[in-house]
Amino acid sequence: MPTRVLAAKYWDDPEAFKPARFLGNYPRDAFLPFSGGPRGCIGRGFSETESIAVLTLIISRYRVEVKEEPQFAGETFEQRKARLTKSKLSVTLFPERAPLVFKRR
């Protein structure tokens, strides 16, 4: 069964970038980035640990901000949030455009 059909089974708006949907209780078989069962990805534990370590290192050394751009000067918080979380679906899901500025702490 295609992934999009399965995603629609679990989520109201499966195409939208909504990371908060994973904060509460959600069906564990609704999101399987490393597959599941005894033949799932052998590198899952390493990948999850490494990604947390790298993000922690970045956040501890840099202050991450959204780049201020003149063409978006008058937008509201909700408009900015919608613009920055708009995503494209490819092999992976990625933001369309999220210009970030990293400033050393």
PDB file of N, CA and C in Angstrom:
ATOM      1  N   MET A   1       0.848  -1.170   0.000  1.00  0.00           N
ATOM      2  CA  MET A   1       0.000   0.000   0.000  1.00  0.00           C
ATOM      3  C   MET A   1       0.901   1.242   0.000  1.00  0.00           C
ATOM      4  N   PRO A   2       0.613   2.218  -0.856  1.00  0.00           N
ATOM      5  CA  PRO A   2       1.450   3.425  -0.916  1.00  0.00           C
ATOM      6  C   PRO A   2       1.503   4.159   0.421  1.00  0.00           C
ATOM      7  N   THR A   3       2.640   4.771   0.676  1.00  0.00           N
ATOM      8  CA  THR A   3       2.854   5.489   1.934  1.00  0.00           C
ATOM      9  C   THR A   3       1.831   6.598   2.141  1.00  0.00           C
ATOM     10  N   ARG A   4       1.487   7.312   1.085  1.00  0.00           N
ATOM     11  CA  ARG A   4       0.528   8.414   1.212  1.00  0.00           C
ATOM     12  C   ARG A   4      -0.833   7.917   1.690  1.00  0.00           C
ATOM     13  N   VAL A   5      -1.249   6.757   1.210  1.00  0.00           N
ATOM     14  CA  VAL A   5      -2.532   6.194   1.637  1.00  0.00           C
ATOM     15  C   VAL A   5      -2.458   5.835   3.115  1.00  0.00           C
ATOM     16  N   LEU A   6      -1.350   5.218   3.526  1.00  0.00           N
ATOM     17  CA  LEU A   6      -1.177   4.873   4.939  1.00  0.00           C
ATOM     18  C   LEU A   6      -1.126   6.122   5.807  1.00  0.00           C
ATOM     19  N   ALA A   7      -0.424   7.148   5.332  1.00  0.00           N
ATOM     20  CA  ALA A   7      -0.310   8.386   6.112  1.00  0.00           C
ATOM     21  C   ALA A   7      -1.684   9.018   6.312  1.00  0.00           C
ATOM     22  N   ALA A   8      -2.517   8.996   5.294  1.00  0.00           N
ATOM     23  CA  ALA A   8      -3.866   9.566   5.411  1.00  0.00           C
ATOM     24  C   ALA A   8      -4.707   8.781   6.409  1.00  0.00           C
ATOM     25  N   LYS A   9      -4.384   7.531   6.593  1.00  0.00           N
ATOM     26  CA  LYS A   9      -5.096   6.696   7.565  1.00  0.00           C
ATOM     27  C   LYS A   9      -4.848   7.177   8.997  1.00  0.00           C
ATOM     28  N   TYR A  10      -3.663   7.711   9.274  1.00  0.00           N
ATOM     29  CA  TYR A  10      -3.275   8.097  10.633  1.00  0.00           C
ATOM     30  C   TYR A  10      -3.339   9.594  10.914  1.00  0.00           C
ATOM     31  N   TRP A  11      -3.124  10.434   9.908  1.00  0.00           N
ATOM     32  CA  TRP A  11      -3.013  11.872  10.139  1.00  0.00           C
ATOM     33  C   TRP A  11      -4.072  12.647   9.368  1.00  0.00           C
ATOM     34  N   ASP A  12      -4.560  13.731   9.971  1.00  0.00           N
ATOM     35  CA  ASP A  12      -5.540  14.586   9.309  1.00  0.00           C
ATOM     36  C   ASP A  12      -4.939  15.267   8.082  1.00  0.00           C
ATOM     37  N   ASP A  13      -3.741  15.763   8.216  1.00  0.00           N
ATOM     38  CA  ASP A  13      -3.075  16.489   7.133  1.00  0.00           C
ATOM     39  C   ASP A  13      -1.676  15.903   6.953  1.00  0.00           C
ATOM     40  N   PRO A  14      -1.572  14.738   6.314  1.00  0.00           N
ATOM     41  CA  PRO A  14      -0.286  14.026   6.261  1.00  0.00           C
ATOM     42  C   PRO A  14       0.817  14.744   5.508  1.00  0.00           C
ATOM     43  N   GLU A  15       0.489  15.637   4.589  1.00  0.00           N
ATOM     44  CA  GLU A  15       1.504  16.336   3.803  1.00  0.00           C
ATOM     45  C   GLU A  15       2.113  17.517   4.556  1.00  0.00           C
ATOM     46  N   ALA A  16       1.472  17.978   5.626  1.00  0.00           N
ATOM     47  CA  ALA A  16       1.945  19.154   6.358  1.00  0.00           C
ATOM     48  C   ALA A  16       3.075  18.789   7.321  1.00  0.00           C
ATOM     49  N   PHE A  17       4.014  19.705   7.456  1.00  0.00           N
ATOM     50  CA  PHE A  17       5.121  19.537   8.396  1.00  0.00           C
ATOM     51  C   PHE A  17       4.625  19.908   9.790  1.00  0.00           C
ATOM     52  N   LYS A  18       4.341  18.907  10.609  1.00  0.00           N
ATOM     53  CA  LYS A  18       3.815  19.128  11.958  1.00  0.00           C
ATOM     54  C   LYS A  18       4.548  18.211  12.941  1.00  0.00           C
ATOM     55  N   PRO A  19       5.751  18.567  13.340  1.00  0.00           N
ATOM     56  CA  PRO A  19       6.509  17.702  14.248  1.00  0.00           C
ATOM     57  C   PRO A  19       5.828  17.521  15.606  1.00  0.00           C
ATOM     58  N   ALA A  20       4.971  18.439  16.003  1.00  0.00           N
ATOM     59  CA  ALA A  20       4.296  18.341  17.298  1.00  0.00           C
ATOM     60  C   ALA A  20       3.382  17.117  17.377  1.00  0.00           C
ATOM     61  N   ARG A  21       2.994  16.552  16.237  1.00  0.00           N
ATOM     62  CA  ARG A  21       2.126  15.369  16.265  1.00  0.00           C
ATOM     63  C   ARG A  21       2.807  14.177  16.936  1.00  0.00           C
ATOM     64  N   PHE A  22       4.131  14.223  17.045  1.00  0.00           N
ATOM     65  CA  PHE A  22       4.856  13.120  17.665  1.00  0.00           C
ATOM     66  C   PHE A  22       5.135  13.342  19.151  1.00  0.00           C
ATOM     67  N   LEU A  23       4.671  14.447  19.713  1.00  0.00           N
ATOM     68  CA  LEU A  23       4.906  14.730  21.126  1.00  0.00           C
ATOM     69  C   LEU A  23       3.969  13.936  22.041  1.00  0.00           C
ATOM     70  N   GLY A  24       2.774  13.694  21.591  1.00  0.00           N
ATOM     71  CA  GLY A  24       1.802  12.990  22.422  1.00  0.00           C
ATOM     72  C   GLY A  24       1.722  11.518  22.061  1.00  0.00           C
ATOM     73  N   ASN A  25       0.591  10.954  22.338  1.00  0.00           N
ATOM     74  CA  ASN A  25       0.345   9.570  21.965  1.00  0.00           C
ATOM     75  C   ASN A  25      -0.019   9.512  20.489  1.00  0.00           C
ATOM     76  N   TYR A  26       0.662   8.698  19.744  1.00  0.00           N
ATOM     77  CA  TYR A  26       0.331   8.492  18.344  1.00  0.00           C
ATOM     78  C   TYR A  26       0.555   7.017  18.029  1.00  0.00           C
ATOM     79  N   PRO A  27      -0.116   6.490  17.006  1.00  0.00           N
ATOM     80  CA  PRO A  27       0.067   5.076  16.664  1.00  0.00           C
ATOM     81  C   PRO A  27       1.518   4.823  16.249  1.00  0.00           C
ATOM     82  N   ARG A  28       2.194   3.929  16.924  1.00  0.00           N
ATOM     83  CA  ARG A  28       3.625   3.699  16.681  1.00  0.00           C
ATOM     84  C   ARG A  28       3.909   3.136  15.291  1.00  0.00           C
ATOM     85  N   ASP A  29       2.927   2.523  14.659  1.00  0.00           N
ATOM     86  CA  ASP A  29       3.168   2.022  13.312  1.00  0.00           C
ATOM     87  C   ASP A  29       2.854   3.072  12.244  1.00  0.00           C
ATOM     88  N   ALA A  30       2.544   4.299  12.657  1.00  0.00           N
ATOM     89  CA  ALA A  30       2.239   5.375  11.715  1.00  0.00           C
ATOM     90  C   ALA A  30       3.511   6.026  11.166  1.00  0.00           C
ATOM     91  N   PHE A  31       4.619   5.843  11.837  1.00  0.00           N
ATOM     92  CA  PHE A  31       5.874   6.460  11.399  1.00  0.00           C
ATOM     93  C   PHE A  31       7.007   5.484  11.648  1.00  0.00           C
ATOM     94  N   LEU A  32       7.545   4.914  10.575  1.00  0.00           N
ATOM     95  CA  LEU A  32       8.609   3.923  10.692  1.00  0.00           C
ATOM     96  C   LEU A  32       9.814   4.311   9.830  1.00  0.00           C
ATOM     97  N   PRO A  33      10.571   5.319  10.258  1.00  0.00           N
ATOM     98  CA  PRO A  33      11.686   5.770   9.429  1.00  0.00           C
ATOM     99  C   PRO A  33      12.800   4.738   9.282  1.00  0.00           C
ATOM    100  N   PHE A  34      12.890   3.784  10.200  1.00  0.00           N
ATOM    101  CA  PHE A  34      13.946   2.777  10.137  1.00  0.00           C
ATOM    102  C   PHE A  34      13.389   1.382   9.897  1.00  0.00           C
ATOM    103  N   SER A  35      12.123   1.294   9.494  1.00  0.00           N
ATOM    104  CA  SER A  35      11.434   0.027   9.321  1.00  0.00           C
ATOM    105  C   SER A  35      11.142  -0.558  10.700  1.00  0.00           C
ATOM    106  N   GLY A  36      10.653  -1.750  10.741  1.00  0.00           N
ATOM    107  CA  GLY A  36      10.301  -2.338  12.029  1.00  0.00           C
ATOM    108  C   GLY A  36      10.529  -3.829  12.036  1.00  0.00           C
ATOM    109  N   GLY A  37      10.333  -4.430  13.180  1.00  0.00           N
ATOM    110  CA  GLY A  37      10.488  -5.872  13.310  1.00  0.00           C
ATOM    111  C   GLY A  37      11.931  -6.300  13.421  1.00  0.00           C
ATOM    112  N   PRO A  38      12.156  -7.609  13.392  1.00  0.00           N
ATOM    113  CA  PRO A  38      13.510  -8.138  13.589  1.00  0.00           C
ATOM    114  C   PRO A  38      14.482  -7.791  12.460  1.00  0.00           C
ATOM    115  N   ARG A  39      13.981  -7.398  11.315  1.00  0.00           N
ATOM    116  CA  ARG A  39      14.866  -7.050  10.200  1.00  0.00           C
ATOM    117  C   ARG A  39      14.910  -5.542   9.953  1.00  0.00           C
ATOM    118  N   GLY A  40      14.587  -4.785  10.975  1.00  0.00           N
ATOM    119  CA  GLY A  40      14.656  -3.332  10.864  1.00  0.00           C
ATOM    120  C   GLY A  40      16.095  -2.868  10.755  1.00  0.00           C
ATOM    121  N   CYS A  41      16.283  -1.611  10.568  1.00  0.00           N
ATOM    122  CA  CYS A  41      17.605  -1.018  10.370  1.00  0.00           C
ATOM    123  C   CYS A  41      18.528  -1.278  11.556  1.00  0.00           C
ATOM    124  N   ILE A  42      19.688  -1.849  11.274  1.00  0.00           N
ATOM    125  CA  ILE A  42      20.650  -2.168  12.320  1.00  0.00           C
ATOM    126  C   ILE A  42      21.293  -0.907  12.905  1.00  0.00           C
ATOM    127  N   GLY A  43      21.282   0.184  12.148  1.00  0.00           N
ATOM    128  CA  GLY A  43      21.914   1.415  12.612  1.00  0.00           C
ATOM    129  C   GLY A  43      20.977   2.380  13.316  1.00  0.00           C
ATOM    130  N   ARG A  44      19.759   1.945  13.615  1.00  0.00           N
ATOM    131  CA  ARG A  44      18.780   2.851  14.211  1.00  0.00           C
ATOM    132  C   ARG A  44      19.258   3.463  15.531  1.00  0.00           C
ATOM    133  N   GLY A  45      19.701   2.646  16.449  1.00  0.00           N
ATOM    134  CA  GLY A  45      20.152   3.141  17.756  1.00  0.00           C
ATOM    135  C   GLY A  45      21.291   4.135  17.618  1.00  0.00           C
ATOM    136  N   PHE A  46      22.264   3.800  16.772  1.00  0.00           N
ATOM    137  CA  PHE A  46      23.392   4.696  16.556  1.00  0.00           C
ATOM    138  C   PHE A  46      22.931   6.018  15.943  1.00  0.00           C
ATOM    139  N   SER A  47      22.071   5.926  14.937  1.00  0.00           N
ATOM    140  CA  SER A  47      21.583   7.123  14.253  1.00  0.00           C
ATOM    141  C   SER A  47      20.832   8.044  15.203  1.00  0.00           C
ATOM    142  N   GLU A  48      19.958   7.492  16.031  1.00  0.00           N
ATOM    143  CA  GLU A  48      19.187   8.312  16.965  1.00  0.00           C
ATOM    144  C   GLU A  48      20.098   8.958  18.007  1.00  0.00           C
ATOM    145  N   THR A  49      21.048   8.203  18.533  1.00  0.00           N
ATOM    146  CA  THR A  49      21.980   8.741  19.522  1.00  0.00           C
ATOM    147  C   THR A  49      22.884   9.810  18.909  1.00  0.00           C
ATOM    148  N   GLU A  50      23.399   9.539  17.730  1.00  0.00           N
ATOM    149  CA  GLU A  50      24.291  10.478  17.045  1.00  0.00           C
ATOM    150  C   GLU A  50      23.560  11.778  16.696  1.00  0.00           C
ATOM    151  N   SER A  51      22.327  11.683  16.237  1.00  0.00           N
ATOM    152  CA  SER A  51      21.601  12.901  15.861  1.00  0.00           C
ATOM    153  C   SER A  51      21.326  13.776  17.079  1.00  0.00           C
ATOM    154  N   ILE A  52      20.997  13.174  18.211  1.00  0.00           N
ATOM    155  CA  ILE A  52      20.784  13.950  19.435  1.00  0.00           C
ATOM    156  C   ILE A  52      22.093  14.592  19.891  1.00  0.00           C
ATOM    157  N   ALA A  53      23.194  13.851  19.797  1.00  0.00           N
ATOM    158  CA  ALA A  53      24.498  14.387  20.199  1.00  0.00           C
ATOM    159  C   ALA A  53      24.901  15.570  19.316  1.00  0.00           C
ATOM    160  N   VAL A  54      24.707  15.453  18.019  1.00  0.00           N
ATOM    161  CA  VAL A  54      25.086  16.528  17.097  1.00  0.00           C
ATOM    162  C   VAL A  54      24.209  17.760  17.311  1.00  0.00           C
ATOM    163  N   LEU A  55      22.902  17.568  17.445  1.00  0.00           N
ATOM    164  CA  LEU A  55      22.008  18.702  17.690  1.00  0.00           C
ATOM    165  C   LEU A  55      22.338  19.393  19.012  1.00  0.00           C
ATOM    166  N   THR A  56      22.656  18.618  20.032  1.00  0.00           N
ATOM    167  CA  THR A  56      23.035  19.180  21.331  1.00  0.00           C
ATOM    168  C   THR A  56      24.302  20.016  21.199  1.00  0.00           C
ATOM    169  N   LEU A  57      25.268  19.516  20.476  1.00  0.00           N
ATOM    170  CA  LEU A  57      26.520  20.242  20.260  1.00  0.00           C
ATOM    171  C   LEU A  57      26.278  21.556  19.510  1.00  0.00           C
ATOM    172  N   ILE A  58      25.482  21.508  18.458  1.00  0.00           N
ATOM    173  CA  ILE A  58      25.188  22.719  17.686  1.00  0.00           C
ATOM    174  C   ILE A  58      24.477  23.751  18.544  1.00  0.00           C
ATOM    175  N   ILE A  59      23.437  23.328  19.250  1.00  0.00           N
ATOM    176  CA  ILE A  59      22.641  24.250  20.067  1.00  0.00           C
ATOM    177  C   ILE A  59      23.457  24.813  21.234  1.00  0.00           C
ATOM    178  N   SER A  60      24.391  24.025  21.766  1.00  0.00           N
ATOM    179  CA  SER A  60      25.202  24.522  22.881  1.00  0.00           C
ATOM    180  C   SER A  60      26.241  25.552  22.418  1.00  0.00           C
ATOM    181  N   ARG A  61      26.662  25.477  21.161  1.00  0.00           N
ATOM    182  CA  ARG A  61      27.698  26.387  20.658  1.00  0.00           C
ATOM    183  C   ARG A  61      27.159  27.566  19.847  1.00  0.00           C
ATOM    184  N   TYR A  62      25.951  27.431  19.337  1.00  0.00           N
ATOM    185  CA  TYR A  62      25.399  28.468  18.469  1.00  0.00           C
ATOM    186  C   TYR A  62      23.986  28.852  18.891  1.00  0.00           C
ATOM    187  N   ARG A  63      23.656  30.094  18.638  1.00  0.00           N
ATOM    188  CA  ARG A  63      22.286  30.564  18.775  1.00  0.00           C
ATOM    189  C   ARG A  63      21.716  30.540  17.356  1.00  0.00           C
ATOM    190  N   VAL A  64      20.645  29.814  17.154  1.00  0.00           N
ATOM    191  CA  VAL A  64      20.069  29.652  15.823  1.00  0.00           C
ATOM    192  C   VAL A  64      18.862  30.577  15.693  1.00  0.00           C
ATOM    193  N   GLU A  65      18.893  31.412  14.666  1.00  0.00           N
ATOM    194  CA  GLU A  65      17.797  32.366  14.428  1.00  0.00           C
ATOM    195  C   GLU A  65      17.363  32.275  12.974  1.00  0.00           C
ATOM    196  N   VAL A  66      16.148  32.705  12.719  1.00  0.00           N
ATOM    197  CA  VAL A  66      15.663  32.794  11.349  1.00  0.00           C
ATOM    198  C   VAL A  66      16.158  34.114  10.769  1.00  0.00           C
ATOM    199  N   LYS A  67      16.710  34.058   9.581  1.00  0.00           N
ATOM    200  CA  LYS A  67      17.237  35.261   8.933  1.00  0.00           C
ATOM    201  C   LYS A  67      16.096  36.232   8.641  1.00  0.00           C
ATOM    202  N   GLU A  68      16.291  37.482   9.046  1.00  0.00           N
ATOM    203  CA  GLU A  68      15.301  38.531   8.766  1.00  0.00           C
ATOM    204  C   GLU A  68      15.462  38.965   7.310  1.00  0.00           C
ATOM    205  N   GLU A  69      14.365  38.967   6.584  1.00  0.00           N
ATOM    206  CA  GLU A  69      14.400  39.358   5.181  1.00  0.00           C
ATOM    207  C   GLU A  69      13.382  40.469   4.949  1.00  0.00           C
ATOM    208  N   PRO A  70      13.768  41.517   4.211  1.00  0.00           N
ATOM    209  CA  PRO A  70      12.892  42.677   4.032  1.00  0.00           C
ATOM    210  C   PRO A  70      11.531  42.357   3.412  1.00  0.00           C
ATOM    211  N   GLN A  71      11.467  41.400   2.504  1.00  0.00           N
ATOM    212  CA  GLN A  71      10.192  41.104   1.843  1.00  0.00           C
ATOM    213  C   GLN A  71       9.167  40.463   2.781  1.00  0.00           C
ATOM    214  N   PHE A  72       9.608  40.015   3.963  1.00  0.00           N
ATOM    215  CA  PHE A  72       8.695  39.402   4.931  1.00  0.00           C
ATOM    216  C   PHE A  72       8.567  40.241   6.201  1.00  0.00           C
ATOM    217  N   ALA A  73       8.897  41.509   6.140  1.00  0.00           N
ATOM    218  CA  ALA A  73       8.942  42.374   7.323  1.00  0.00           C
ATOM    219  C   ALA A  73       7.607  42.500   8.053  1.00  0.00           C
ATOM    220  N   GLY A  74       6.492  42.539   7.344  1.00  0.00           N
ATOM    221  CA  GLY A  74       5.211  42.776   7.995  1.00  0.00           C
ATOM    222  C   GLY A  74       4.412  41.532   8.332  1.00  0.00           C
ATOM    223  N   GLU A  75       4.994  40.348   8.185  1.00  0.00           N
ATOM    224  CA  GLU A  75       4.207  39.140   8.405  1.00  0.00           C
ATOM    225  C   GLU A  75       3.971  38.849   9.890  1.00  0.00           C
ATOM    226  N   THR A  76       2.862  38.207  10.171  1.00  0.00           N
ATOM    227  CA  THR A  76       2.522  37.837  11.543  1.00  0.00           C
ATOM    228  C   THR A  76       3.278  36.566  11.925  1.00  0.00           C
ATOM    229  N   PHE A  77       3.194  36.199  13.197  1.00  0.00           N
ATOM    230  CA  PHE A  77       3.844  34.972  13.657  1.00  0.00           C
ATOM    231  C   PHE A  77       3.292  33.764  12.909  1.00  0.00           C
ATOM    232  N   GLU A  78       1.975  33.700  12.744  1.00  0.00           N
ATOM    233  CA  GLU A  78       1.351  32.568  12.058  1.00  0.00           C
ATOM    234  C   GLU A  78       1.780  32.484  10.594  1.00  0.00           C
ATOM    235  N   GLN A  79       1.884  33.633   9.925  1.00  0.00           N
ATOM    236  CA  GLN A  79       2.342  33.639   8.533  1.00  0.00           C
ATOM    237  C   GLN A  79       3.796  33.172   8.437  1.00  0.00           C
ATOM    238  N   ARG A  80       4.609  33.630   9.374  1.00  0.00           N
ATOM    239  CA  ARG A  80       6.024  33.224   9.392  1.00  0.00           C
ATOM    240  C   ARG A  80       6.155  31.730   9.652  1.00  0.00           C
ATOM    241  N   LYS A  81       5.392  31.251  10.598  1.00  0.00           N
ATOM    242  CA  LYS A  81       5.406  29.821  10.921  1.00  0.00           C
ATOM    243  C   LYS A  81       4.999  28.997   9.700  1.00  0.00           C
ATOM    244  N   ALA A  82       3.943  29.409   9.010  1.00  0.00           N
ATOM    245  CA  ALA A  82       3.483  28.688   7.819  1.00  0.00           C
ATOM    246  C   ALA A  82       4.545  28.706   6.723  1.00  0.00           C
ATOM    247  N   ARG A  83       5.201  29.848   6.544  1.00  0.00           N
ATOM    248  CA  ARG A  83       6.237  29.970   5.507  1.00  0.00           C
ATOM    249  C   ARG A  83       7.434  29.081   5.815  1.00  0.00           C
ATOM    250  N   LEU A  84       7.860  29.082   7.064  1.00  0.00           N
ATOM    251  CA  LEU A  84       9.071  28.334   7.428  1.00  0.00           C
ATOM    252  C   LEU A  84       8.846  26.835   7.530  1.00  0.00           C
ATOM    253  N   THR A  85       7.631  26.415   7.801  1.00  0.00           N
ATOM    254  CA  THR A  85       7.376  24.976   7.938  1.00  0.00           C
ATOM    255  C   THR A  85       6.791  24.345   6.683  1.00  0.00           C
ATOM    256  N   LYS A  86       6.655  25.135   5.614  1.00  0.00           N
ATOM    257  CA  LYS A  86       6.186  24.591   4.346  1.00  0.00           C
ATOM    258  C   LYS A  86       7.255  23.629   3.841  1.00  0.00           C
ATOM    259  N   SER A  87       6.831  22.451   3.422  1.00  0.00           N
ATOM    260  CA  SER A  87       7.822  21.436   3.067  1.00  0.00           C
ATOM    261  C   SER A  87       7.559  20.819   1.706  1.00  0.00           C
ATOM    262  N   LYS A  88       8.586  20.151   1.201  1.00  0.00           N
ATOM    263  CA  LYS A  88       8.503  19.410  -0.055  1.00  0.00           C
ATOM    264  C   LYS A  88       8.746  17.940   0.257  1.00  0.00           C
ATOM    265  N   LEU A  89       8.066  17.096  -0.480  1.00  0.00           N
ATOM    266  CA  LEU A  89       8.226  15.661  -0.299  1.00  0.00           C
ATOM    267  C   LEU A  89       9.077  15.123  -1.434  1.00  0.00           C
ATOM    268  N   SER A  90      10.147  14.469  -1.070  1.00  0.00           N
ATOM    269  CA  SER A  90      11.037  13.846  -2.036  1.00  0.00           C
ATOM    270  C   SER A  90      11.328  12.467  -1.465  1.00  0.00           C
ATOM    271  N   VAL A  91      12.565  12.033  -1.508  1.00  0.00           N
ATOM    272  CA  VAL A  91      12.919  10.803  -0.822  1.00  0.00           C
ATOM    273  C   VAL A  91      12.726  11.016   0.677  1.00  0.00           C
ATOM    274  N   THR A  92      13.019  12.240   1.112  1.00  0.00           N
ATOM    275  CA  THR A  92      12.764  12.633   2.496  1.00  0.00           C
ATOM    276  C   THR A  92      11.935  13.913   2.481  1.00  0.00           C
ATOM    277  N   LEU A  93      11.425  14.287   3.623  1.00  0.00           N
ATOM    278  CA  LEU A  93      10.652  15.521   3.745  1.00  0.00           C
ATOM    279  C   LEU A  93      11.613  16.619   4.176  1.00  0.00           C
ATOM    280  N   PHE A  94      11.611  17.747   3.482  1.00  0.00           N
ATOM    281  CA  PHE A  94      12.516  18.830   3.838  1.00  0.00           C
ATOM    282  C   PHE A  94      11.817  20.173   3.662  1.00  0.00           C
ATOM    283  N   PRO A  95      12.242  21.184   4.433  1.00  0.00           N
ATOM    284  CA  PRO A  95      11.612  22.501   4.307  1.00  0.00           C
ATOM    285  C   PRO A  95      11.908  23.111   2.946  1.00  0.00           C
ATOM    286  N   GLU A  96      10.913  23.801   2.382  1.00  0.00           N
ATOM    287  CA  GLU A  96      11.110  24.477   1.092  1.00  0.00           C
ATOM    288  C   GLU A  96      12.143  25.573   1.205  1.00  0.00           C
ATOM    289  N   ARG A  97      12.018  26.372   2.255  1.00  0.00           N
ATOM    290  CA  ARG A  97      12.938  27.487   2.432  1.00  0.00           C
ATOM    291  C   ARG A  97      12.912  27.905   3.892  1.00  0.00           C
ATOM    292  N   ALA A  98      14.017  27.742   4.557  1.00  0.00           N
ATOM    293  CA  ALA A  98      14.134  28.139   5.960  1.00  0.00           C
ATOM    294  C   ALA A  98      15.530  28.714   6.182  1.00  0.00           C
ATOM    295  N   PRO A  99      15.727  29.986   5.822  1.00  0.00           N
ATOM    296  CA  PRO A  99      17.056  30.592   5.970  1.00  0.00           C
ATOM    297  C   PRO A  99      17.401  30.809   7.443  1.00  0.00           C
ATOM    298  N   LEU A 100      18.401  30.102   7.903  1.00  0.00           N
ATOM    299  CA  LEU A 100      18.813  30.190   9.303  1.00  0.00           C
ATOM    300  C   LEU A 100      20.153  30.893   9.435  1.00  0.00           C
ATOM    301  N   VAL A 101      20.340  31.551  10.571  1.00  0.00           N
ATOM    302  CA  VAL A 101      21.594  32.224  10.887  1.00  0.00           C
ATOM    303  C   VAL A 101      22.126  31.585  12.163  1.00  0.00           C
ATOM    304  N   PHE A 102      23.375  31.153  12.132  1.00  0.00           N
ATOM    305  CA  PHE A 102      24.013  30.549  13.299  1.00  0.00           C
ATOM    306  C   PHE A 102      25.002  31.559  13.874  1.00  0.00           C
ATOM    307  N   LYS A 103      24.779  31.970  15.109  1.00  0.00           N
ATOM    308  CA  LYS A 103      25.665  32.926  15.775  1.00  0.00           C
ATOM    309  C   LYS A 103      26.341  32.236  16.949  1.00  0.00           C
ATOM    310  N   ARG A 104      27.669  32.320  16.961  1.00  0.00           N
ATOM    311  CA  ARG A 104      28.422  31.671  18.037  1.00  0.00           C
ATOM    312  C   ARG A 104      28.041  32.256  19.375  1.00  0.00           C
ATOM    313  N   ARG A 105      27.837  31.405  20.372  1.00  0.00           N
ATOM    314  CA  ARG A 105      27.482  31.853  21.718  1.00  0.00           C
ATOM    315  C   ARG A 105      28.704  32.421  22.419  1.00  0.00           C
TER     316      ARG A 105
END
